[in-house]
Amino acid sequence: MEAFVIHNGKRRKSRGFSCKEIVEAGLSCEDTCALNVRWDALRRSSYKENVEALKKAKTGMPAKAKPASKPAAPKAAKAQ
């Protein structure tokens, strides 16, 4: 997955997505790592194309597995 920027009126590849784009797409740090998304700390711009690409990648991502809950311990019967 590649991010794009506009430089001197031309569209070119960038090093990665800006923090603003990642947040607008609703991704967390864990999600970006799972998707192998590159992040460019120097970029301040945000482009709709990049946000839409991140949203599409997010929909194709498998759902997070919830940790299995431990079964309750059986209660011991009181002996009389």
N, C-alpha and C. Protein backbone atom coordinates (compact mmCIF):
# COMPACT_ATOMS: atom_id res chain seq x y z
N MET A 1 0.85 -1.16 0.00
CA MET A 1 0.00 0.00 0.00
C MET A 1 0.90 1.23 0.00
N GLU A 2 0.57 2.17 -0.86
CA GLU A 2 1.41 3.35 -1.01
C GLU A 2 0.61 4.63 -0.77
N ALA A 3 1.26 5.57 -0.15
CA ALA A 3 0.68 6.89 0.05
C ALA A 3 1.20 7.82 -1.04
N PHE A 4 0.40 8.81 -1.40
CA PHE A 4 0.79 9.76 -2.42
C PHE A 4 0.69 11.18 -1.89
N VAL A 5 1.54 12.04 -2.42
CA VAL A 5 1.50 13.47 -2.11
C VAL A 5 1.58 14.25 -3.42
N ILE A 6 1.22 15.51 -3.35
CA ILE A 6 1.33 16.38 -4.52
C ILE A 6 2.48 17.34 -4.26
N HIS A 7 3.48 17.28 -5.12
CA HIS A 7 4.68 18.11 -4.99
C HIS A 7 4.93 18.80 -6.33
N ASN A 8 5.01 20.11 -6.31
CA ASN A 8 5.20 20.91 -7.53
C ASN A 8 4.11 20.60 -8.57
N GLY A 9 2.89 20.39 -8.10
CA GLY A 9 1.77 20.14 -9.00
C GLY A 9 1.72 18.74 -9.57
N LYS A 10 2.63 17.88 -9.16
CA LYS A 10 2.64 16.51 -9.66
C LYS A 10 2.43 15.53 -8.52
N ARG A 11 1.77 14.45 -8.84
CA ARG A 11 1.50 13.41 -7.85
C ARG A 11 2.69 12.46 -7.81
N ARG A 12 3.19 12.18 -6.59
CA ARG A 12 4.32 11.26 -6.46
C ARG A 12 4.14 10.42 -5.20
N LYS A 13 4.90 9.34 -5.11
CA LYS A 13 4.85 8.47 -3.95
C LYS A 13 5.50 9.17 -2.76
N SER A 14 4.96 8.91 -1.59
CA SER A 14 5.57 9.47 -0.39
C SER A 14 6.17 8.34 0.43
N ARG A 15 6.86 8.71 1.49
CA ARG A 15 7.48 7.70 2.35
C ARG A 15 6.45 6.89 3.12
N GLY A 16 5.35 7.54 3.46
CA GLY A 16 4.31 6.85 4.22
C GLY A 16 3.13 7.76 4.46
N PHE A 17 2.17 7.25 5.22
CA PHE A 17 0.96 8.01 5.53
C PHE A 17 1.22 8.96 6.69
N SER A 18 0.55 10.10 6.67
CA SER A 18 0.70 11.05 7.78
C SER A 18 -0.15 10.58 8.96
N CYS A 19 0.18 11.07 10.13
CA CYS A 19 -0.55 10.72 11.34
C CYS A 19 -2.01 11.15 11.21
N LYS A 20 -2.24 12.30 10.62
CA LYS A 20 -3.59 12.82 10.44
C LYS A 20 -4.43 11.88 9.56
N GLU A 21 -3.83 11.34 8.51
CA GLU A 21 -4.54 10.42 7.62
C GLU A 21 -4.89 9.13 8.35
N ILE A 22 -3.98 8.63 9.15
CA ILE A 22 -4.22 7.39 9.89
C ILE A 22 -5.35 7.57 10.89
N VAL A 23 -5.36 8.70 11.58
CA VAL A 23 -6.40 8.97 12.57
C VAL A 23 -7.75 9.16 11.88
N GLU A 24 -7.78 9.87 10.75
CA GLU A 24 -9.03 10.10 10.02
C GLU A 24 -9.62 8.79 9.51
N ALA A 25 -8.77 7.82 9.20
CA ALA A 25 -9.25 6.52 8.72
C ALA A 25 -9.74 5.65 9.86
N GLY A 26 -9.47 6.06 11.10
CA GLY A 26 -9.95 5.30 12.26
C GLY A 26 -9.06 4.12 12.61
N LEU A 27 -7.79 4.20 12.27
CA LEU A 27 -6.86 3.12 12.59
C LEU A 27 -6.11 3.40 13.87
N SER A 28 -5.76 2.35 14.58
CA SER A 28 -4.95 2.48 15.79
C SER A 28 -3.52 2.07 15.46
N CYS A 29 -2.64 2.20 16.42
CA CYS A 29 -1.25 1.79 16.22
C CYS A 29 -1.15 0.30 15.91
N GLU A 30 -1.95 -0.50 16.61
CA GLU A 30 -1.95 -1.94 16.39
C GLU A 30 -2.41 -2.27 14.97
N ASP A 31 -3.42 -1.55 14.50
CA ASP A 31 -3.94 -1.78 13.15
C ASP A 31 -2.89 -1.44 12.09
N THR A 32 -2.19 -0.35 12.28
CA THR A 32 -1.18 0.04 11.30
C THR A 32 -0.05 -0.98 11.24
N CYS A 33 0.32 -1.53 12.38
CA CYS A 33 1.35 -2.56 12.41
C CYS A 33 0.86 -3.83 11.72
N ALA A 34 -0.40 -4.19 11.97
CA ALA A 34 -0.96 -5.40 11.38
C ALA A 34 -1.06 -5.28 9.86
N LEU A 35 -1.31 -4.09 9.36
CA LEU A 35 -1.44 -3.86 7.92
C LEU A 35 -0.11 -3.55 7.25
N ASN A 36 0.96 -3.45 8.01
CA ASN A 36 2.29 -3.07 7.51
C ASN A 36 2.24 -1.72 6.80
N VAL A 37 1.56 -0.78 7.42
CA VAL A 37 1.43 0.57 6.88
C VAL A 37 2.61 1.40 7.35
N ARG A 38 3.25 2.08 6.41
CA ARG A 38 4.36 2.96 6.77
C ARG A 38 3.82 4.30 7.22
N TRP A 39 4.51 4.88 8.20
CA TRP A 39 4.09 6.15 8.79
C TRP A 39 5.22 7.15 8.61
N ASP A 40 4.90 8.33 8.11
CA ASP A 40 5.88 9.38 7.88
C ASP A 40 5.66 10.48 8.92
N ALA A 41 6.56 10.58 9.87
CA ALA A 41 6.42 11.54 10.97
C ALA A 41 6.61 12.98 10.50
N LEU A 42 7.27 13.19 9.38
CA LEU A 42 7.55 14.55 8.92
C LEU A 42 6.38 15.16 8.14
N ARG A 43 5.50 14.32 7.61
CA ARG A 43 4.37 14.84 6.82
C ARG A 43 3.30 15.44 7.71
N ARG A 44 2.76 16.57 7.28
CA ARG A 44 1.68 17.24 8.00
C ARG A 44 0.40 17.29 7.16
N SER A 45 0.50 16.95 5.89
CA SER A 45 -0.64 17.06 4.99
C SER A 45 -1.54 15.83 5.08
N SER A 46 -2.75 16.00 4.59
CA SER A 46 -3.71 14.90 4.57
C SER A 46 -4.46 14.94 3.24
N TYR A 47 -4.51 13.82 2.55
CA TYR A 47 -5.19 13.73 1.27
C TYR A 47 -6.32 12.72 1.36
N LYS A 48 -7.45 13.06 0.74
CA LYS A 48 -8.62 12.19 0.78
C LYS A 48 -8.34 10.83 0.17
N GLU A 49 -7.54 10.81 -0.90
CA GLU A 49 -7.19 9.54 -1.56
C GLU A 49 -6.52 8.58 -0.58
N ASN A 50 -5.60 9.12 0.20
CA ASN A 50 -4.86 8.29 1.14
C ASN A 50 -5.76 7.79 2.26
N VAL A 51 -6.66 8.63 2.73
CA VAL A 51 -7.59 8.23 3.79
C VAL A 51 -8.50 7.11 3.28
N GLU A 52 -8.98 7.26 2.04
CA GLU A 52 -9.86 6.23 1.46
C GLU A 52 -9.10 4.91 1.28
N ALA A 53 -7.84 4.97 0.89
CA ALA A 53 -7.04 3.75 0.74
C ALA A 53 -6.87 3.04 2.08
N LEU A 54 -6.67 3.81 3.14
CA LEU A 54 -6.54 3.22 4.47
C LEU A 54 -7.85 2.60 4.93
N LYS A 55 -8.97 3.26 4.62
CA LYS A 55 -10.28 2.72 5.01
C LYS A 55 -10.56 1.41 4.28
N LYS A 56 -10.18 1.32 3.00
CA LYS A 56 -10.37 0.08 2.24
C LYS A 56 -9.52 -1.04 2.84
N ALA A 57 -8.31 -0.71 3.21
CA ALA A 57 -7.42 -1.72 3.80
C ALA A 57 -7.96 -2.17 5.15
N LYS A 58 -8.59 -1.24 5.87
CA LYS A 58 -9.14 -1.58 7.18
C LYS A 58 -10.31 -2.55 7.04
N THR A 59 -11.14 -2.39 6.01
CA THR A 59 -12.28 -3.28 5.83
C THR A 59 -11.84 -4.69 5.47
N GLY A 60 -10.72 -4.83 4.80
CA GLY A 60 -10.21 -6.15 4.43
C GLY A 60 -9.44 -6.82 5.55
N MET A 61 -9.26 -6.11 6.64
CA MET A 61 -8.50 -6.63 7.77
C MET A 61 -9.37 -7.60 8.58
N PRO A 62 -8.82 -8.73 9.04
CA PRO A 62 -9.61 -9.65 9.85
C PRO A 62 -9.99 -9.01 11.18
N ALA A 63 -11.13 -9.42 11.69
CA ALA A 63 -11.62 -8.87 12.96
C ALA A 63 -10.69 -9.29 14.09
N LYS A 64 -10.61 -8.43 15.09
CA LYS A 64 -9.77 -8.73 16.24
C LYS A 64 -10.39 -9.86 17.04
N ALA A 65 -9.58 -10.83 17.39
CA ALA A 65 -10.07 -11.94 18.20
C ALA A 65 -10.12 -11.52 19.66
N LYS A 66 -11.24 -11.77 20.27
CA LYS A 66 -11.38 -11.44 21.69
C LYS A 66 -10.77 -12.57 22.50
N PRO A 67 -10.11 -12.25 23.59
CA PRO A 67 -9.53 -13.31 24.41
C PRO A 67 -10.64 -14.16 25.01
N ALA A 68 -10.41 -15.47 25.02
CA ALA A 68 -11.41 -16.39 25.55
C ALA A 68 -11.52 -16.20 27.06
N SER A 69 -12.75 -16.17 27.53
CA SER A 69 -12.94 -16.00 28.97
C SER A 69 -12.72 -17.35 29.65
N LYS A 70 -12.18 -17.28 30.83
CA LYS A 70 -11.91 -18.50 31.59
C LYS A 70 -13.22 -19.00 32.20
N PRO A 71 -13.44 -20.32 32.19
CA PRO A 71 -14.66 -20.84 32.80
C PRO A 71 -14.61 -20.65 34.31
N ALA A 72 -15.78 -20.42 34.87
CA ALA A 72 -15.86 -20.21 36.31
C ALA A 72 -15.50 -21.50 37.04
N ALA A 73 -14.84 -21.35 38.16
CA ALA A 73 -14.46 -22.52 38.96
C ALA A 73 -15.72 -23.12 39.57
N PRO A 74 -15.81 -24.46 39.60
CA PRO A 74 -16.99 -25.08 40.19
C PRO A 74 -17.04 -24.80 41.69
N LYS A 75 -18.24 -24.55 42.17
CA LYS A 75 -18.41 -24.27 43.59
C LYS A 75 -18.40 -25.58 44.36
N ALA A 76 -17.67 -25.58 45.44
CA ALA A 76 -17.60 -26.78 46.27
C ALA A 76 -18.83 -26.85 47.16
N ALA A 77 -19.41 -28.04 47.25
CA ALA A 77 -20.59 -28.23 48.10
C ALA A 77 -20.15 -28.34 49.55
N LYS A 78 -20.90 -27.72 50.42
CA LYS A 78 -20.55 -27.77 51.84
C LYS A 78 -20.92 -29.14 52.41
N ALA A 79 -20.03 -29.71 53.15
CA ALA A 79 -20.29 -31.00 53.81
C ALA A 79 -20.87 -30.74 55.18
N GLN A 80 -21.98 -31.43 55.52
CA GLN A 80 -22.61 -31.23 56.83
C GLN A 80 -22.39 -32.40 57.71
